[in-house]
Amino acid sequence: MNYAIAPSPTISLPISGSEQRFPIRRIFCIGRNYADHAREMGATVDKETPLFFCKPADAVVTDGAPLPYPQATADLHHEVEMVVALGGGGKDIAPDQAKALIWGYGVGLDLTRRDLQAIAKAKSHPWDVAKGFDHSAPVSALLPASRAEPAKGTMLRLSVNGSVRQQAPLGEMVHSIEEIIAALSKLFELKAGDLIFTGTPAGVAALHRGDSFHAELEGIATLDGTVI
């Protein structure tokens, strides 16, 4: 192929215990998937209409790279989430068929420019600039589903500077992993390489330059980083 400009490199994540990497196609996210978080944001959960948004694949930060504090905000917030990586896809997927499409699991942060999100909400504007900015998706190495599966009791946790800020079992998710995949597949054709951020529990708060964070999906994945 003769390109007019050099093509961008493939964005990928490391795989635990392997020299192979997982190439990323798209990043989908669900909002308001933990009732306590929805309440702390002054919102309610609509079980019948999940709230979805996207981040660009090149928003990923991985391999221990430092996290640059983003431009255009004075209120950067952390939102720790289980991340699901798909090894297959399709349209109009039934919930009972969704699990077979999961390739692996990780943990990540859905970083949010909260001040810009508040402005967008007040004006009924999309959240794109608040959610889909550069370096807004730190993600751990992925663990293949063949090696471990999270359960309802699996804890999702985030500590900042050694203090726990967010913590909840996955069983508190309003929409299950299978329900999220099924609902997304009614809006998009899902494909291998897609990542899904599955929502955050209560306790979101600001990150500042110099902060160190430790995210954990118990028994599955960990993610450490520093804001610079």
C-alpha atoms as a PDB file:
ATOM      1  CA  MET A   1       0.000   0.000   0.000  1.00  0.00           C
ATOM      2  CA  ASN A   2       1.356   3.398  -0.983  1.00  0.00           C
ATOM      3  CA  TYR A   3       0.258   5.868   1.702  1.00  0.00           C
ATOM      4  CA  ALA A   4       0.449   9.642   1.320  1.00  0.00           C
ATOM      5  CA  ILE A   5       1.752   9.913   4.892  1.00  0.00           C
ATOM      6  CA  ALA A   6       3.240   7.347   7.257  1.00  0.00           C
ATOM      7  CA  PRO A   7       0.453   5.321   8.912  1.00  0.00           C
ATOM      8  CA  SER A   8       0.100   5.498  12.686  1.00  0.00           C
ATOM      9  CA  PRO A   9       1.497   2.564  14.671  1.00  0.00           C
ATOM     10  CA  THR A  10      -0.862  -0.113  15.978  1.00  0.00           C
ATOM     11  CA  ILE A  11      -1.948   0.646  19.540  1.00  0.00           C
ATOM     12  CA  SER A  12      -1.627  -2.432  21.753  1.00  0.00           C
ATOM     13  CA  LEU A  13      -1.590  -3.737  25.319  1.00  0.00           C
ATOM     14  CA  PRO A  14       0.818  -6.195  26.924  1.00  0.00           C
ATOM     15  CA  ILE A  15      -0.429  -9.669  27.835  1.00  0.00           C
ATOM     16  CA  SER A  16       0.446 -11.080  31.250  1.00  0.00           C
ATOM     17  CA  GLY A  17       3.032 -13.855  31.001  1.00  0.00           C
ATOM     18  CA  SER A  18       3.482 -13.486  27.244  1.00  0.00           C
ATOM     19  CA  GLU A  19       5.684 -11.642  24.771  1.00  0.00           C
ATOM     20  CA  GLN A  20       2.656 -11.202  22.511  1.00  0.00           C
ATOM     21  CA  ARG A  21       0.568  -8.039  22.577  1.00  0.00           C
ATOM     22  CA  PHE A  22      -3.146  -7.372  22.131  1.00  0.00           C
ATOM     23  CA  PRO A  23      -3.952  -4.902  19.295  1.00  0.00           C
ATOM     24  CA  ILE A  24      -6.697  -2.388  20.069  1.00  0.00           C
ATOM     25  CA  ARG A  25      -9.405  -1.479  17.566  1.00  0.00           C
ATOM     26  CA  ARG A  26     -11.889   0.674  19.494  1.00  0.00           C
ATOM     27  CA  ILE A  27     -12.603   1.621  23.113  1.00  0.00           C
ATOM     28  CA  PHE A  28     -16.193   1.588  24.343  1.00  0.00           C
ATOM     29  CA  CYS A  29     -17.244   2.783  27.815  1.00  0.00           C
ATOM     30  CA  ILE A  30     -20.428   2.548  29.844  1.00  0.00           C
ATOM     31  CA  GLY A  31     -21.438   5.273  32.274  1.00  0.00           C
ATOM     32  CA  ARG A  32     -23.535   5.046  35.439  1.00  0.00           C
ATOM     33  CA  ASN A  33     -23.065   1.294  35.846  1.00  0.00           C
ATOM     34  CA  TYR A  34     -22.705   1.438  39.643  1.00  0.00           C
ATOM     35  CA  ALA A  35     -25.706   2.949  41.428  1.00  0.00           C
ATOM     36  CA  ASP A  36     -23.608   4.545  44.208  1.00  0.00           C
ATOM     37  CA  HIS A  37     -21.463   6.364  41.654  1.00  0.00           C
ATOM     38  CA  ALA A  38     -24.539   7.578  39.762  1.00  0.00           C
ATOM     39  CA  ARG A  39     -25.913   8.990  43.028  1.00  0.00           C
ATOM     40  CA  GLU A  40     -22.654  10.763  43.914  1.00  0.00           C
ATOM     41  CA  MET A  41     -22.813  12.433  40.491  1.00  0.00           C
ATOM     42  CA  GLY A  42     -26.423  13.505  41.038  1.00  0.00           C
ATOM     43  CA  ALA A  43     -27.699  11.107  38.384  1.00  0.00           C
ATOM     44  CA  THR A  44     -29.929   8.055  38.219  1.00  0.00           C
ATOM     45  CA  VAL A  45     -29.459   4.702  36.496  1.00  0.00           C
ATOM     46  CA  ASP A  46     -31.675   3.899  33.518  1.00  0.00           C
ATOM     47  CA  LYS A  47     -31.578   0.107  33.366  1.00  0.00           C
ATOM     48  CA  GLU A  48     -33.402   0.048  30.029  1.00  0.00           C
ATOM     49  CA  THR A  49     -31.109   2.527  28.258  1.00  0.00           C
ATOM     50  CA  PRO A  50     -27.401   2.082  29.085  1.00  0.00           C
ATOM     51  CA  LEU A  51     -25.253   5.190  28.645  1.00  0.00           C
ATOM     52  CA  PHE A  52     -22.321   4.602  26.268  1.00  0.00           C
ATOM     53  CA  PHE A  53     -19.449   6.754  25.034  1.00  0.00           C
ATOM     54  CA  CYS A  54     -16.119   6.113  23.308  1.00  0.00           C
ATOM     55  CA  LYS A  55     -12.451   6.937  23.657  1.00  0.00           C
ATOM     56  CA  PRO A  56      -9.886   6.823  20.835  1.00  0.00           C
ATOM     57  CA  ALA A  57      -7.562   3.825  20.820  1.00  0.00           C
ATOM     58  CA  ASP A  58      -4.527   6.093  21.085  1.00  0.00           C
ATOM     59  CA  ALA A  59      -5.786   7.431  24.439  1.00  0.00           C
ATOM     60  CA  VAL A  60      -4.293   4.289  26.009  1.00  0.00           C
ATOM     61  CA  VAL A  61      -1.389   4.638  28.454  1.00  0.00           C
ATOM     62  CA  THR A  62       0.349   1.367  29.303  1.00  0.00           C
ATOM     63  CA  ASP A  63       3.642  -0.386  30.018  1.00  0.00           C
ATOM     64  CA  GLY A  64       4.295   1.725  33.108  1.00  0.00           C
ATOM     65  CA  ALA A  65       4.457   4.998  31.193  1.00  0.00           C
ATOM     66  CA  PRO A  66       3.898   8.148  33.284  1.00  0.00           C
ATOM     67  CA  LEU A  67       0.512   9.849  32.934  1.00  0.00           C
ATOM     68  CA  PRO A  68       0.725  13.438  31.649  1.00  0.00           C
ATOM     69  CA  TYR A  69      -1.713  15.821  33.328  1.00  0.00           C
ATOM     70  CA  PRO A  70      -4.042  16.875  30.487  1.00  0.00           C
ATOM     71  CA  GLN A  71      -4.412  20.331  29.063  1.00  0.00           C
ATOM     72  CA  ALA A  72      -7.604  22.414  29.340  1.00  0.00           C
ATOM     73  CA  THR A  73      -8.637  21.195  32.816  1.00  0.00           C
ATOM     74  CA  ALA A  74      -8.136  22.024  36.468  1.00  0.00           C
ATOM     75  CA  ASP A  75     -10.205  19.073  37.706  1.00  0.00           C
ATOM     76  CA  LEU A  76      -8.938  15.703  36.449  1.00  0.00           C
ATOM     77  CA  HIS A  77     -10.838  12.787  38.034  1.00  0.00           C
ATOM     78  CA  HIS A  78     -10.039   9.084  38.302  1.00  0.00           C
ATOM     79  CA  GLU A  79     -12.629   6.372  37.591  1.00  0.00           C
ATOM     80  CA  VAL A  80     -11.285   2.836  38.113  1.00  0.00           C
ATOM     81  CA  GLU A  81     -12.912   0.187  35.925  1.00  0.00           C
ATOM     82  CA  MET A  82     -12.699  -3.441  34.887  1.00  0.00           C
ATOM     83  CA  VAL A  83     -11.653  -3.596  31.233  1.00  0.00           C
ATOM     84  CA  VAL A  84     -12.890  -6.382  28.959  1.00  0.00           C
ATOM     85  CA  ALA A  85     -11.018  -7.250  25.742  1.00  0.00           C
ATOM     86  CA  LEU A  86     -12.928  -8.916  22.926  1.00  0.00           C
ATOM     87  CA  GLY A  87     -11.552 -11.711  20.761  1.00  0.00           C
ATOM     88  CA  GLY A  88     -14.645 -11.819  18.552  1.00  0.00           C
ATOM     89  CA  GLY A  89     -17.659  -9.712  17.737  1.00  0.00           C
ATOM     90  CA  GLY A  90     -20.825  -9.283  15.744  1.00  0.00           C
ATOM     91  CA  LYS A  91     -24.149  -7.474  15.702  1.00  0.00           C
ATOM     92  CA  ASP A  92     -27.254  -8.093  17.832  1.00  0.00           C
ATOM     93  CA  ILE A  93     -25.450 -10.526  20.111  1.00  0.00           C
ATOM     94  CA  ALA A  94     -27.586 -12.362  22.679  1.00  0.00           C
ATOM     95  CA  PRO A  95     -26.410 -12.060  26.301  1.00  0.00           C
ATOM     96  CA  ASP A  96     -25.943 -15.835  26.562  1.00  0.00           C
ATOM     97  CA  GLN A  97     -23.567 -15.725  23.571  1.00  0.00           C
ATOM     98  CA  ALA A  98     -21.540 -12.741  24.778  1.00  0.00           C
ATOM     99  CA  LYS A  99     -19.159 -14.460  27.163  1.00  0.00           C
ATOM    100  CA  ALA A 100     -17.679 -16.588  24.381  1.00  0.00           C
ATOM    101  CA  LEU A 101     -16.429 -13.379  22.718  1.00  0.00           C
ATOM    102  CA  ILE A 102     -14.325 -12.270  25.693  1.00  0.00           C
ATOM    103  CA  TRP A 103     -10.594 -12.683  25.142  1.00  0.00           C
ATOM    104  CA  GLY A 104      -9.334 -11.311  28.438  1.00  0.00           C
ATOM    105  CA  TYR A 105      -9.588  -8.864  31.329  1.00  0.00           C
ATOM    106  CA  GLY A 106      -7.656  -5.948  32.749  1.00  0.00           C
ATOM    107  CA  VAL A 107      -8.077  -2.886  34.925  1.00  0.00           C
ATOM    108  CA  GLY A 108      -7.985   0.703  33.787  1.00  0.00           C
ATOM    109  CA  LEU A 109      -8.831   4.308  34.558  1.00  0.00           C
ATOM    110  CA  ASP A 110     -11.502   6.233  32.684  1.00  0.00           C
ATOM    111  CA  LEU A 111      -9.946   9.644  33.256  1.00  0.00           C
ATOM    112  CA  THR A 112     -12.382  12.545  33.096  1.00  0.00           C
ATOM    113  CA  ARG A 113     -11.945  16.287  32.756  1.00  0.00           C
ATOM    114  CA  ARG A 114     -14.742  16.833  35.277  1.00  0.00           C
ATOM    115  CA  ASP A 115     -14.950  20.592  34.822  1.00  0.00           C
ATOM    116  CA  LEU A 116     -15.447  20.189  31.075  1.00  0.00           C
ATOM    117  CA  GLN A 117     -17.990  17.424  31.668  1.00  0.00           C
ATOM    118  CA  ALA A 118     -19.976  19.699  33.991  1.00  0.00           C
ATOM    119  CA  ILE A 119     -20.072  22.389  31.309  1.00  0.00           C
ATOM    120  CA  ALA A 120     -21.183  19.851  28.709  1.00  0.00           C
ATOM    121  CA  LYS A 121     -23.941  18.526  30.975  1.00  0.00           C
ATOM    122  CA  ALA A 122     -25.203  22.051  31.725  1.00  0.00           C
ATOM    123  CA  LYS A 123     -25.449  22.820  28.014  1.00  0.00           C
ATOM    124  CA  SER A 124     -26.739  19.336  27.025  1.00  0.00           C
ATOM    125  CA  HIS A 125     -23.602  18.871  24.901  1.00  0.00           C
ATOM    126  CA  PRO A 126     -21.792  15.582  24.193  1.00  0.00           C
ATOM    127  CA  TRP A 127     -19.084  14.462  26.633  1.00  0.00           C
ATOM    128  CA  ASP A 128     -16.368  13.903  24.014  1.00  0.00           C
ATOM    129  CA  VAL A 129     -13.907  16.581  25.183  1.00  0.00           C
ATOM    130  CA  ALA A 130     -14.370  15.473  28.803  1.00  0.00           C
ATOM    131  CA  LYS A 131     -13.748  11.781  28.134  1.00  0.00           C
ATOM    132  CA  GLY A 132     -11.879  11.203  24.864  1.00  0.00           C
ATOM    133  CA  PHE A 133      -8.766  13.312  25.331  1.00  0.00           C
ATOM    134  CA  ASP A 134      -5.095  12.326  24.995  1.00  0.00           C
ATOM    135  CA  HIS A 135      -3.811   9.819  27.601  1.00  0.00           C
ATOM    136  CA  SER A 136      -7.317   9.403  29.085  1.00  0.00           C
ATOM    137  CA  ALA A 137      -7.260   5.582  29.226  1.00  0.00           C
ATOM    138  CA  PRO A 138      -4.470   4.022  31.309  1.00  0.00           C
ATOM    139  CA  VAL A 139      -4.853   0.224  31.089  1.00  0.00           C
ATOM    140  CA  SER A 140      -3.013  -2.710  32.674  1.00  0.00           C
ATOM    141  CA  ALA A 141      -1.641  -5.786  30.976  1.00  0.00           C
ATOM    142  CA  LEU A 142      -4.441  -8.151  29.977  1.00  0.00           C
ATOM    143  CA  LEU A 143      -4.983 -11.589  31.484  1.00  0.00           C
ATOM    144  CA  PRO A 144      -6.490 -14.122  29.037  1.00  0.00           C
ATOM    145  CA  ALA A 145      -9.932 -15.382  30.042  1.00  0.00           C
ATOM    146  CA  SER A 146      -8.600 -18.914  29.672  1.00  0.00           C
ATOM    147  CA  ARG A 147      -6.424 -18.303  32.749  1.00  0.00           C
ATOM    148  CA  ALA A 148      -8.890 -16.567  35.082  1.00  0.00           C
ATOM    149  CA  GLU A 149     -12.440 -15.243  35.172  1.00  0.00           C
ATOM    150  CA  PRO A 150     -13.663 -12.505  37.530  1.00  0.00           C
ATOM    151  CA  ALA A 151     -16.677 -13.295  39.722  1.00  0.00           C
ATOM    152  CA  LYS A 152     -19.371 -11.171  41.354  1.00  0.00           C
ATOM    153  CA  GLY A 153     -17.285 -11.061  44.518  1.00  0.00           C
ATOM    154  CA  THR A 154     -14.116  -9.930  42.726  1.00  0.00           C
ATOM    155  CA  MET A 155     -13.055  -6.565  44.151  1.00  0.00           C
ATOM    156  CA  LEU A 156     -12.307  -3.542  42.007  1.00  0.00           C
ATOM    157  CA  ARG A 157     -10.115  -1.086  43.883  1.00  0.00           C
ATOM    158  CA  LEU A 158      -8.124   2.138  43.440  1.00  0.00           C
ATOM    159  CA  SER A 159      -5.639   3.686  45.867  1.00  0.00           C
ATOM    160  CA  VAL A 160      -4.050   7.114  45.425  1.00  0.00           C
ATOM    161  CA  ASN A 161      -0.871   7.911  47.358  1.00  0.00           C
ATOM    162  CA  GLY A 162      -1.483   4.799  49.447  1.00  0.00           C
ATOM    163  CA  SER A 163      -5.075   5.630  50.465  1.00  0.00           C
ATOM    164  CA  VAL A 164      -8.044   3.644  49.134  1.00  0.00           C
ATOM    165  CA  ARG A 165     -10.435   5.879  47.213  1.00  0.00           C
ATOM    166  CA  GLN A 166     -12.676   3.472  45.296  1.00  0.00           C
ATOM    167  CA  GLN A 167     -13.633  -0.085  46.173  1.00  0.00           C
ATOM    168  CA  ALA A 168     -16.548  -2.351  45.262  1.00  0.00           C
ATOM    169  CA  PRO A 169     -17.279  -5.939  44.194  1.00  0.00           C
ATOM    170  CA  LEU A 170     -18.156  -6.489  40.555  1.00  0.00           C
ATOM    171  CA  GLY A 171     -21.526  -7.779  41.700  1.00  0.00           C
ATOM    172  CA  GLU A 172     -22.579  -4.152  42.212  1.00  0.00           C
ATOM    173  CA  MET A 173     -22.574  -3.513  38.468  1.00  0.00           C
ATOM    174  CA  VAL A 174     -26.057  -2.603  37.231  1.00  0.00           C
ATOM    175  CA  HIS A 175     -25.423  -4.126  33.800  1.00  0.00           C
ATOM    176  CA  SER A 176     -23.416  -7.375  33.690  1.00  0.00           C
ATOM    177  CA  ILE A 177     -20.555  -7.891  31.254  1.00  0.00           C
ATOM    178  CA  GLU A 178     -22.815 -10.001  29.049  1.00  0.00           C
ATOM    179  CA  GLU A 179     -25.568  -7.365  29.092  1.00  0.00           C
ATOM    180  CA  ILE A 180     -23.091  -4.619  28.185  1.00  0.00           C
ATOM    181  CA  ILE A 181     -21.774  -6.576  25.192  1.00  0.00           C
ATOM    182  CA  ALA A 182     -25.305  -7.393  24.022  1.00  0.00           C
ATOM    183  CA  ALA A 183     -26.451  -3.760  24.325  1.00  0.00           C
ATOM    184  CA  LEU A 184     -23.349  -2.399  22.542  1.00  0.00           C
ATOM    185  CA  SER A 185     -23.824  -4.880  19.694  1.00  0.00           C
ATOM    186  CA  LYS A 186     -27.234  -3.356  18.994  1.00  0.00           C
ATOM    187  CA  LEU A 187     -25.538  -0.008  18.346  1.00  0.00           C
ATOM    188  CA  PHE A 188     -22.190  -1.044  16.806  1.00  0.00           C
ATOM    189  CA  GLU A 189     -20.723  -4.051  15.058  1.00  0.00           C
ATOM    190  CA  LEU A 190     -18.249  -5.289  17.649  1.00  0.00           C
ATOM    191  CA  LYS A 191     -14.980  -6.844  16.491  1.00  0.00           C
ATOM    192  CA  ALA A 192     -11.899  -8.560  17.862  1.00  0.00           C
ATOM    193  CA  GLY A 193      -9.602  -5.965  19.404  1.00  0.00           C
ATOM    194  CA  ASP A 194     -12.364  -3.892  20.988  1.00  0.00           C
ATOM    195  CA  LEU A 195     -11.972  -2.865  24.633  1.00  0.00           C
ATOM    196  CA  ILE A 196     -14.904  -2.212  26.944  1.00  0.00           C
ATOM    197  CA  PHE A 197     -14.621  -0.131  30.127  1.00  0.00           C
ATOM    198  CA  THR A 198     -17.388  -1.493  32.337  1.00  0.00           C
ATOM    199  CA  GLY A 199     -18.146   1.362  34.741  1.00  0.00           C
ATOM    200  CA  THR A 200     -16.813   2.781  37.996  1.00  0.00           C
ATOM    201  CA  PRO A 201     -17.931   2.559  41.644  1.00  0.00           C
ATOM    202  CA  ALA A 202     -18.380   5.504  44.003  1.00  0.00           C
ATOM    203  CA  GLY A 203     -15.425   7.486  45.297  1.00  0.00           C
ATOM    204  CA  VAL A 204     -14.254   9.339  42.196  1.00  0.00           C
ATOM    205  CA  ALA A 205     -12.051  12.319  43.031  1.00  0.00           C
ATOM    206  CA  ALA A 206      -9.299  14.537  41.697  1.00  0.00           C
ATOM    207  CA  LEU A 207      -5.821  13.514  40.625  1.00  0.00           C
ATOM    208  CA  HIS A 208      -2.976  16.013  40.853  1.00  0.00           C
ATOM    209  CA  ARG A 209       0.523  16.253  39.435  1.00  0.00           C
ATOM    210  CA  GLY A 210       2.814  14.056  41.505  1.00  0.00           C
ATOM    211  CA  ASP A 211       0.064  11.640  42.609  1.00  0.00           C
ATOM    212  CA  SER A 212       0.751   7.903  42.402  1.00  0.00           C
ATOM    213  CA  PHE A 213      -2.079   5.438  41.903  1.00  0.00           C
ATOM    214  CA  HIS A 214      -2.552   1.674  42.224  1.00  0.00           C
ATOM    215  CA  ALA A 215      -5.552   0.078  40.516  1.00  0.00           C
ATOM    216  CA  GLU A 216      -6.486  -3.538  41.064  1.00  0.00           C
ATOM    217  CA  LEU A 217      -8.951  -6.053  39.708  1.00  0.00           C
ATOM    218  CA  GLU A 218      -8.472  -8.619  42.445  1.00  0.00           C
ATOM    219  CA  GLY A 219      -6.597 -11.715  41.278  1.00  0.00           C
ATOM    220  CA  ILE A 220      -6.704 -10.549  37.640  1.00  0.00           C
ATOM    221  CA  ALA A 221      -4.716  -7.371  36.990  1.00  0.00           C
ATOM    222  CA  THR A 222      -2.960  -4.407  38.583  1.00  0.00           C
ATOM    223  CA  LEU A 223      -2.014  -1.006  37.216  1.00  0.00           C
ATOM    224  CA  ASP A 224       0.429   1.453  38.755  1.00  0.00           C
ATOM    225  CA  GLY A 225       1.185   4.940  37.549  1.00  0.00           C
ATOM    226  CA  THR A 226       2.242   8.467  38.390  1.00  0.00           C
ATOM    227  CA  VAL A 227       0.748  11.751  37.219  1.00  0.00           C
ATOM    228  CA  ILE A 228       3.355  14.144  35.851  1.00  0.00           C
END
